[in-house]
Structures are given as C-alpha cells and as structure tokens.
Protein backbone atom coordinates (compact mmCIF):
# COMPACT_ATOMS: atom_id res chain seq x y z
CA UNK A 1 67.46 102.70 111.11
CA UNK A 2 69.71 99.73 111.24
CA UNK A 3 72.80 99.45 109.13
CA UNK A 4 71.51 96.46 107.20
CA UNK A 5 68.62 98.60 105.78
CA UNK A 6 70.98 100.95 104.03
CA UNK A 7 70.80 100.85 100.17
CA UNK A 8 73.48 98.81 98.25
CA UNK A 9 75.60 101.07 96.11
CA UNK A 10 76.84 99.58 92.75
CA UNK A 11 80.14 101.05 91.52
CA UNK A 12 79.65 103.52 88.77
CA UNK A 13 82.10 101.81 86.61
CA UNK A 14 80.32 98.42 86.85
CA UNK A 15 76.99 100.05 86.05
CA UNK A 16 78.32 101.75 83.07
CA UNK A 17 79.87 98.51 81.74
CA UNK A 18 76.56 96.68 82.26
CA UNK A 19 74.62 99.44 80.47
CA UNK A 20 77.13 99.40 77.68
CA UNK A 21 76.85 95.67 77.27
CA UNK A 22 73.08 95.50 77.07
CA UNK A 23 72.96 98.60 75.05
CA UNK A 24 74.94 96.81 72.46
CA UNK A 25 72.57 93.94 72.42
CA UNK A 26 69.53 96.46 72.29
CA UNK A 27 71.15 98.30 69.31
CA UNK A 28 71.99 95.00 67.48
CA UNK A 29 68.30 94.03 67.27
CA UNK A 30 66.94 97.52 66.76
CA UNK A 31 66.98 96.98 63.07
CA UNK A 32 65.56 100.36 62.09
CA UNK A 33 67.61 102.31 64.56
CA UNK A 34 64.55 104.17 66.03
CA UNK A 35 65.67 103.53 69.69
CA UNK A 36 62.77 101.01 70.25
CA UNK A 37 62.21 97.29 69.93
CA UNK A 38 59.16 96.22 68.12
CA UNK A 39 57.44 92.72 68.50
CA UNK A 40 59.12 91.75 65.20
CA UNK A 41 62.55 92.86 66.34
CA UNK A 42 62.04 91.08 69.71
CA UNK A 43 61.02 87.87 67.85
CA UNK A 44 64.25 88.21 65.67
CA UNK A 45 66.23 88.52 68.94
CA UNK A 46 64.74 85.41 70.42
CA UNK A 47 64.96 83.36 67.23
CA UNK A 48 68.76 84.31 66.93
CA UNK A 49 69.30 81.71 69.76
CA UNK A 50 69.24 78.00 69.41
CA UNK A 51 66.36 76.32 71.43
CA UNK A 52 64.96 72.81 71.44
CA UNK A 53 61.70 74.31 70.33
CA UNK A 54 60.72 77.43 68.66
CA UNK A 55 58.85 80.00 70.75
CA UNK A 56 55.39 80.88 69.15
CA UNK A 57 54.94 84.43 67.94
CA UNK A 58 51.93 84.95 70.27
CA UNK A 59 54.21 84.13 73.26
CA UNK A 60 56.70 86.71 72.02
CA UNK A 61 53.82 89.19 71.67
CA UNK A 62 52.69 88.46 75.24
CA UNK A 63 56.30 89.11 76.55
CA UNK A 64 56.41 92.27 74.69
CA UNK A 65 53.06 93.44 76.01
CA UNK A 66 53.95 92.66 79.57
CA UNK A 67 56.99 94.99 79.41
CA UNK A 68 55.50 97.75 77.31
CA UNK A 69 54.62 99.97 80.19
CA UNK A 70 53.58 102.97 78.15
CA UNK A 71 51.49 100.91 75.70
CA UNK A 72 53.12 102.26 72.59
CA UNK A 73 53.84 98.79 71.18
CA UNK A 74 57.50 99.40 71.52
CA UNK A 75 60.13 98.65 74.12
CA UNK A 76 62.51 101.43 74.97
CA UNK A 77 65.91 100.65 76.53
CA UNK A 78 64.63 100.95 80.08
CA UNK A 79 61.68 98.55 79.41
CA UNK A 80 64.16 96.19 77.61
CA UNK A 81 66.36 96.14 80.79
CA UNK A 82 63.30 95.31 82.89
CA UNK A 83 62.51 92.50 80.55
CA UNK A 84 66.00 91.10 80.56
CA UNK A 85 65.92 91.19 84.41
CA UNK A 86 62.62 89.40 84.72
CA UNK A 87 63.44 86.10 86.56
CA UNK A 88 60.50 84.30 84.99
CA UNK A 89 62.08 84.78 81.59
CA UNK A 90 65.60 83.57 82.58
CA UNK A 91 65.22 80.52 80.38
CA UNK A 92 64.98 82.82 77.40
CA UNK A 93 67.25 85.71 78.36
CA UNK A 94 69.49 84.13 80.98
CA UNK A 95 72.28 83.42 78.37
CA UNK A 96 72.97 87.18 78.13
CA UNK A 97 73.67 87.41 81.83
CA UNK A 98 76.04 84.41 81.45
CA UNK A 99 77.86 86.07 78.58
CA UNK A 100 78.14 89.35 80.51
CA UNK A 101 79.55 87.58 83.56
CA UNK A 102 82.03 85.74 81.34
CA UNK A 103 83.02 89.05 79.81
CA UNK A 104 83.37 91.09 82.93
CA UNK A 105 84.93 88.46 85.19
CA UNK A 106 88.34 87.36 84.22
CA UNK A 107 88.90 83.64 84.01
CA UNK A 108 91.98 81.60 84.56
CA UNK A 109 92.50 79.00 81.87
CA UNK A 110 94.89 76.26 81.24
CA UNK A 111 97.53 77.31 78.73
CA UNK A 112 96.54 74.50 76.35
CA UNK A 113 93.02 75.70 76.26
CA UNK A 114 91.80 78.09 73.65
CA UNK A 115 89.34 80.69 74.70
CA UNK A 116 86.91 81.76 72.01
CA UNK A 117 84.78 84.84 72.18
CA UNK A 118 83.22 84.41 68.72
CA UNK A 119 79.53 85.12 68.67
CA UNK A 120 79.57 83.96 65.14
CA UNK A 121 80.42 80.38 66.02
CA UNK A 122 77.37 80.26 68.29
CA UNK A 123 75.07 80.86 65.31
CA UNK A 124 75.82 77.49 63.74
CA UNK A 125 72.58 75.55 63.48
CA UNK A 126 71.16 72.50 61.72
CA UNK A 127 67.67 74.10 61.61
CA UNK A 128 66.74 74.75 58.87
CA UNK A 129 68.88 72.01 57.42
CA UNK A 130 71.80 72.88 55.25
CA UNK A 131 70.53 71.19 52.01
CA UNK A 132 71.24 73.75 49.27
CA UNK A 133 74.67 72.61 48.25
CA UNK A 134 73.63 68.98 48.70
CA UNK A 135 70.62 69.40 46.26
CA UNK A 136 72.87 71.15 43.63
CA UNK A 137 75.52 68.42 44.03
CA UNK A 138 72.96 65.62 43.51
CA UNK A 139 71.62 67.42 40.35
CA UNK A 140 75.16 67.56 38.96
CA UNK A 141 75.79 63.93 39.75
CA UNK A 142 72.40 62.91 38.08
CA UNK A 143 73.18 64.81 34.84
CA UNK A 144 76.71 63.42 34.80
CA UNK A 145 75.38 59.88 35.05
CA UNK A 146 72.83 60.48 32.35
CA UNK A 147 75.51 61.51 29.86
CA UNK A 148 77.84 58.65 30.89
CA UNK A 149 74.96 56.04 30.63
CA UNK A 150 73.87 57.40 27.17
CA UNK A 151 77.21 57.28 25.58
CA UNK A 152 80.47 55.93 26.85
CA UNK A 153 83.24 58.62 27.34
CA UNK A 154 80.63 61.29 26.48
CA UNK A 155 81.47 63.16 29.70
CA UNK A 156 85.13 63.36 28.63
CA UNK A 157 84.17 65.48 25.61
CA UNK A 158 80.87 66.88 26.82
CA UNK A 159 78.94 65.27 24.04
CA UNK A 160 76.12 63.69 26.04
CA UNK A 161 72.49 64.82 25.80
CA UNK A 162 72.53 67.00 28.98
CA UNK A 163 75.91 68.40 28.22
CA UNK A 164 74.97 69.34 24.73
CA UNK A 165 71.84 71.21 25.95
CA UNK A 166 73.43 72.95 28.99
CA UNK A 167 77.11 73.62 28.23
CA UNK A 168 77.98 77.23 27.41
CA UNK A 169 78.34 77.44 23.60
CA UNK A 170 79.84 80.78 22.41
CA UNK A 171 77.82 80.70 19.18
CA UNK A 172 74.61 79.83 21.04
CA UNK A 173 74.64 82.72 23.30
CA UNK A 174 71.00 83.56 22.41
CA UNK A 175 70.11 80.44 24.59
CA UNK A 176 70.52 82.54 27.60
CA UNK A 177 70.12 79.59 30.10
CA UNK A 178 73.57 78.33 29.08
CA UNK A 179 75.19 81.17 31.05
CA UNK A 180 74.06 79.38 34.19
CA UNK A 181 73.38 75.76 33.29
CA UNK A 182 77.03 74.94 32.30
CA UNK A 183 77.53 74.42 35.99
CA UNK A 184 75.87 71.09 35.62
CA UNK A 185 78.25 69.83 32.90
CA UNK A 186 81.60 68.33 34.06
CA UNK A 187 84.48 67.04 31.96
CA UNK A 188 85.47 63.74 33.34
CA UNK A 189 84.97 62.04 36.86
CA UNK A 190 87.86 63.93 38.55
CA UNK A 191 86.48 67.28 37.47
CA UNK A 192 83.16 66.39 39.07
CA UNK A 193 84.51 65.05 42.25
CA UNK A 194 86.77 67.97 42.95
CA UNK A 195 83.95 70.51 42.54
CA UNK A 196 81.53 68.36 44.54
CA UNK A 197 83.96 67.96 47.36
CA UNK A 198 84.94 71.56 47.63
CA UNK A 199 81.38 73.13 47.33
CA UNK A 200 80.01 70.69 49.95
CA UNK A 201 82.88 71.31 52.38
CA UNK A 202 82.54 75.08 51.91
CA UNK A 203 78.94 75.51 51.33
CA UNK A 204 77.43 73.65 54.25
CA UNK A 205 79.23 75.58 56.94
CA UNK A 206 78.05 78.79 55.31
CA UNK A 207 74.52 77.38 55.15
CA UNK A 208 74.49 76.60 58.89
CA UNK A 209 75.06 80.24 59.76
CA UNK A 210 73.65 82.18 56.78
CA UNK A 211 70.80 79.77 55.62
CA UNK A 212 70.72 77.84 52.38
CA UNK A 213 68.98 80.46 50.18
CA UNK A 214 71.63 83.14 50.88
CA UNK A 215 74.44 80.73 50.02
CA UNK A 216 72.57 79.63 46.77
CA UNK A 217 72.26 83.27 45.74
CA UNK A 218 76.02 83.66 46.20
CA UNK A 219 76.79 80.35 44.28
CA UNK A 220 74.55 81.29 41.34
CA UNK A 221 76.06 84.81 41.17
CA UNK A 222 79.49 83.20 40.93
CA UNK A 223 78.33 80.89 38.26
CA UNK A 224 76.74 83.74 36.11
CA UNK A 225 79.76 85.99 36.59
CA UNK A 226 82.15 83.19 35.41
CA UNK A 227 80.40 82.70 32.24
CA UNK A 228 79.80 86.40 31.40
CA UNK A 229 83.58 87.16 32.04
CA UNK A 230 84.65 84.20 29.93
CA UNK A 231 82.40 85.16 27.06
CA UNK A 232 84.26 88.42 27.00
CA UNK A 233 87.82 87.34 27.53
CA UNK A 234 87.63 84.02 25.66
CA UNK A 235 84.73 84.51 23.11
CA UNK A 236 85.66 81.43 21.10
CA UNK A 237 85.53 78.63 23.69
CA UNK A 238 82.90 76.57 25.43
CA UNK A 239 82.64 76.44 29.18
CA UNK A 240 81.78 73.62 31.53
CA UNK A 241 81.82 73.20 35.31
CA UNK A 242 80.82 74.73 38.53
CA UNK A 243 84.09 76.19 39.67
CA UNK A 244 82.70 79.85 39.19
CA UNK A 245 80.18 78.89 41.93
CA UNK A 246 82.88 77.05 43.94
CA UNK A 247 85.10 80.11 43.95
CA UNK A 248 82.29 82.34 44.96
CA UNK A 249 81.87 80.09 48.12
CA UNK A 250 85.59 80.57 48.98
CA UNK A 251 85.31 84.42 48.86
CA UNK A 252 81.88 84.33 50.52
CA UNK A 253 83.67 82.98 53.56
CA UNK A 254 86.07 86.00 53.09
CA UNK A 255 83.07 88.38 52.96
CA UNK A 256 81.56 86.77 56.10
CA UNK A 257 84.86 87.19 57.96
CA UNK A 258 85.02 90.84 57.02
CA UNK A 259 81.52 91.66 57.96
CA UNK A 260 81.66 89.74 61.22
CA UNK A 261 85.28 90.41 62.14
CA UNK A 262 84.54 91.28 65.82
CA UNK A 263 82.03 88.46 66.35
CA UNK A 264 84.32 85.75 65.00
CA UNK A 265 87.14 83.79 66.62
CA UNK A 266 90.53 84.21 65.02
CA UNK A 267 89.22 86.07 61.91
CA UNK A 268 92.73 87.00 60.71
CA UNK A 269 93.96 83.33 60.53
CA UNK A 270 90.73 82.35 58.71
CA UNK A 271 91.14 85.24 56.26
CA UNK A 272 94.71 84.16 55.40
CA UNK A 273 93.72 80.68 54.72
CA UNK A 274 91.02 81.47 52.23
CA UNK A 275 93.14 84.02 50.47
CA UNK A 276 96.04 81.52 50.18
CA UNK A 277 93.73 78.87 48.71
CA UNK A 278 91.99 81.24 46.23
CA UNK A 279 95.17 83.13 45.25
CA UNK A 280 97.35 79.98 44.73
CA UNK A 281 94.87 78.35 42.31
CA UNK A 282 94.22 81.42 40.21
CA UNK A 283 97.90 82.48 40.28
CA UNK A 284 99.00 78.96 39.08
CA UNK A 285 96.55 79.07 36.19
CA UNK A 286 97.71 82.52 35.05
CA UNK A 287 101.36 81.55 35.41
CA UNK A 288 100.90 78.55 33.30
CA UNK A 289 99.02 80.24 30.56
CA UNK A 290 100.88 83.57 30.22
CA UNK A 291 104.39 82.94 31.52
CA UNK A 292 105.04 79.34 30.46
CA UNK A 293 102.67 79.83 27.52
CA UNK A 294 101.15 76.39 27.98
CA UNK A 295 97.72 75.65 26.58
CA UNK A 296 95.51 74.31 29.28
CA UNK A 297 91.86 73.59 29.74
CA UNK A 298 91.26 75.33 33.14
CA UNK A 299 89.07 78.52 32.65
CA UNK A 300 90.86 80.62 35.23
CA UNK A 301 88.73 83.70 34.19
CA UNK A 302 85.66 81.85 35.40
CA UNK A 303 87.44 81.14 38.66
CA UNK A 304 88.54 84.88 39.14
CA UNK A 305 85.09 86.29 38.10
CA UNK A 306 83.31 83.80 40.46
CA UNK A 307 85.57 84.83 43.26
CA UNK A 308 84.93 88.49 42.69
CA UNK A 309 81.20 87.95 42.63
CA UNK A 310 81.16 85.81 45.72
CA UNK A 311 83.07 88.48 47.59
CA UNK A 312 80.82 91.40 46.57
CA UNK A 313 77.46 89.49 46.78
CA UNK A 314 78.53 87.79 49.97
CA UNK A 315 79.14 91.16 51.63
CA UNK A 316 75.68 92.26 50.59
CA UNK A 317 73.52 89.17 51.27
CA UNK A 318 75.21 87.17 53.97
CA UNK A 319 74.26 87.85 57.59
CA UNK A 320 76.02 90.60 59.45
CA UNK A 321 75.60 89.89 63.20
CA UNK A 322 76.44 93.47 64.31
CA UNK A 323 76.34 96.30 61.73
CA UNK A 324 78.91 99.10 62.09
CA UNK A 325 79.17 102.34 60.24
CA UNK A 326 82.36 101.18 58.38
CA UNK A 327 80.44 98.01 57.34
CA UNK A 328 77.61 100.01 55.97
CA UNK A 329 80.08 101.89 53.77
CA UNK A 330 81.65 98.64 52.64
CA UNK A 331 78.22 97.31 51.80
CA UNK A 332 77.38 100.25 49.53
CA UNK A 333 80.77 100.15 47.89
CA UNK A 334 80.51 96.43 47.12
CA UNK A 335 76.99 96.61 45.77
CA UNK A 336 77.94 99.58 43.49
CA UNK A 337 80.92 97.75 42.13
CA UNK A 338 79.00 94.54 41.54
CA UNK A 339 76.05 96.24 39.77
CA UNK A 340 78.55 98.17 37.56
CA UNK A 341 80.55 95.07 36.51
CA UNK A 342 77.40 92.94 35.87
CA UNK A 343 75.84 95.77 33.86
CA UNK A 344 78.97 96.17 31.87
CA UNK A 345 79.22 92.41 31.04
CA UNK A 346 75.51 92.14 30.16
CA UNK A 347 75.54 95.29 27.94
CA UNK A 348 78.70 94.03 26.23
CA UNK A 349 76.97 90.73 25.49
CA UNK A 350 73.81 92.36 24.24
CA UNK A 351 75.14 95.16 22.29
CA UNK A 352 78.48 94.10 20.73
CA UNK A 353 77.29 91.15 18.92
CA UNK A 354 79.94 91.33 16.23
CA UNK A 355 82.54 90.52 19.06
CA UNK A 356 81.06 87.09 19.49
CA UNK A 357 81.13 84.07 17.03
CA UNK A 358 77.94 83.01 15.30
CA UNK A 359 79.28 79.98 13.48
CA UNK A 360 82.06 77.62 14.74
CA UNK A 361 83.42 77.29 11.28
CA UNK A 362 83.60 80.98 10.25
CA UNK A 363 86.77 82.79 9.33
CA UNK A 364 89.14 83.69 12.02
CA UNK A 365 86.92 82.23 14.66
CA UNK A 366 87.51 78.80 13.13
CA UNK A 367 91.32 79.29 13.34
CA UNK A 368 91.09 80.11 17.03
CA UNK A 369 88.60 77.26 17.48
CA UNK A 370 91.24 74.81 16.00
CA UNK A 371 93.75 76.05 18.47
CA UNK A 372 91.61 75.26 21.41
CA UNK A 373 90.91 71.79 20.02
CA UNK A 374 94.30 70.88 21.48
CA UNK A 375 92.47 70.76 24.78
CA UNK A 376 90.04 68.00 23.61
CA UNK A 377 87.90 67.20 20.78
CA UNK A 378 85.46 69.94 21.05
CA UNK A 379 87.58 72.72 22.30
CA UNK A 380 86.04 72.87 25.72
CA UNK A 381 87.25 74.74 28.71
CA UNK A 382 86.26 73.65 32.24
CA UNK A 383 86.06 75.56 35.36
C-alpha cells in the first residue's frame, strides 16, 4: 500500500472544537430540547438568515427528508452534520463554515479596525418592514393636527375633540380606553416632536431584529403601566403623552442586551448608555419635584412605570438568540414580577374606588385639583 493511501488523521482537539461549534448551532434551533431537528425547526434555522428570496417550505421539507436516514421525520446530530457538509447545500449552510473558520483561525487586523463577533447584529433586517412605530407616530400626528385645526391652541391645553375623548381623566376611569389612548394626546408641538423622535429612533432598530409586533406589545405595555401607576400615585391629575411607551422602548433595548449578551457586540457599553439616558431623565424629574419642591408638569411616574414594564415585558417577548439556563431563570422572574405588579394596579383601580375622584369639583379633590392648575388651565400632566 502506498503512503498516499493512508488515512488523514484530524487532530482530536480540532474535531472537538468543530463538534462543539456545530453542536451549539444544533442546540440553538432544537427549540423543544429533544435532541432532534424537526422540519419546523429546520425551517426556523434557514429563515434566521437573510436571503434575497425566501426558501419555500416544500424545499425545506425535501432537504429534511434527504438527510433523515432513519425515516423518523427528525434529524439527529449526526444527520445534521451530514446535511451541513452537503456541498450541494453550500449556498444555504455555507455561512456556518465561514463563521467557524473565522472563529477557529486567528486574524491579524489593523489596530484601527474593530472586530465584531455579534450574531445579534447579523439579525438586522428590513423584511418584514419596520412599520410599527411609524404607524403609531402617524396616528399621533393626525390626532394632534385634528385638535389644532379644530381650535387654535387646543393642543396646549388638551381641549380639542380627540384630546377630550382620549386623555386620561381621573374621574372618568370607567372609560377604560383612556388608560391607553392618552398616548395619542400631546401638550404642544415640542412635546409631540420629542416623543416622535425618540420612539422612531429607538423603535425601528428594535423592530428590525425583533419584528414590529413584539415591539408594539412592549410599547403598549409601557403605556398601560404608565397610566395605572400614575392613577395610584397621582389620583387627581390628568395624563397625556406617549412617554410611558417611549421609556418602555429604552428599557426594551436593555432587556435585549441582557438576553443576548453573548451574541452582541460591546454589550456593556450599550447597556451603560441606555441606563444613563433613562436614569438621568427620571432622576432629574424626581429631584425637581421632591428636593427643589418645584411644581412641574412632567409625569415622571409614567416614565418610571413604562421603563419597568419595558424591561420586564421585553425580557419575556423579545427574541433571545441563544437561550441559557440563567436566562430561563431571568425570564420566569421577570414575568412573575410583571404579572404581580400589573395585577396589584388593576385590583387597586377596580376595588378601591373611594381612593379615586368621581367629580373634579368635590371636596379635598378640588383643592388638589386647583394646585395642579398651576401647570396649565386644566391641570394636565404630560409624559
């Protein structure tokens, strides 16, 4: 036998690293943790990548069947490796080899170049389009224009037709839609523009990774938490503005960073930025009100409650690219806290009716209402 016919020996260490790498990919898409990939899980794996055209489900099914050697309609790890190694499928799975090569082979880079290893950043996509925050912003603009066109300066005092119907009124709490629709009411152009700018700049990047419907769930959770918390802490004031939802987007970014820490580039730096932004604004509002004792119209409770809701709901609903045991624990803790806090606020509002005003001109409530009139003609707070 010639020397050339002897088998090639792959170093054990390299084989182990290869198995570990592809085992991690296999486990990531094995959603039910049964040790097999179903057609559905394989389809999710393929759809997680960006292609010029979608791969039809019947093609995914055919790929699955070709490599399902034992015919049990599931791929075990060995069948998965054979599929990955199939040269005819390199246009679909070849990127995994490229990532493995980039991971195992050291690269020399110029000192001025930044090397990113974030899988999270690779998930940014314009399909489906990120339209959730754009639609919400357009509705807010339309309602604002309707009020301003109906009566001049009505937006300054929230006295227009849409504002009157949608603003949170403490003595109209039985109109339950007001706990959410106050987000469409804004006090002045500056208030509207600030909220629009922030929610678009923060919401669209989230939608590009987590899809628009998840971001809207987080947004509305922040809006609802803002009104419920304000109704308990400031039961005699009106509330207008979308900042509860805006702050939920800020902390949704924090939630995404926490749950995708190892898949994200520079997660610590991003986390610090969002903490500083949220903490500075809320801290300033609290300082002005309780330390300097200045009456102001900013509803910081709605900001804070929206931020808490965004963090807790974001952890539960936003995409987690690779689930770990610690992240599962965080998931259960966050959903337990969120359900408890929301249940407490809802029960408080439903059961302790004597705590809330029923008439804006009644007794002690009217005295407090007059104090808040220093803010503007109607005693509004905006978030």
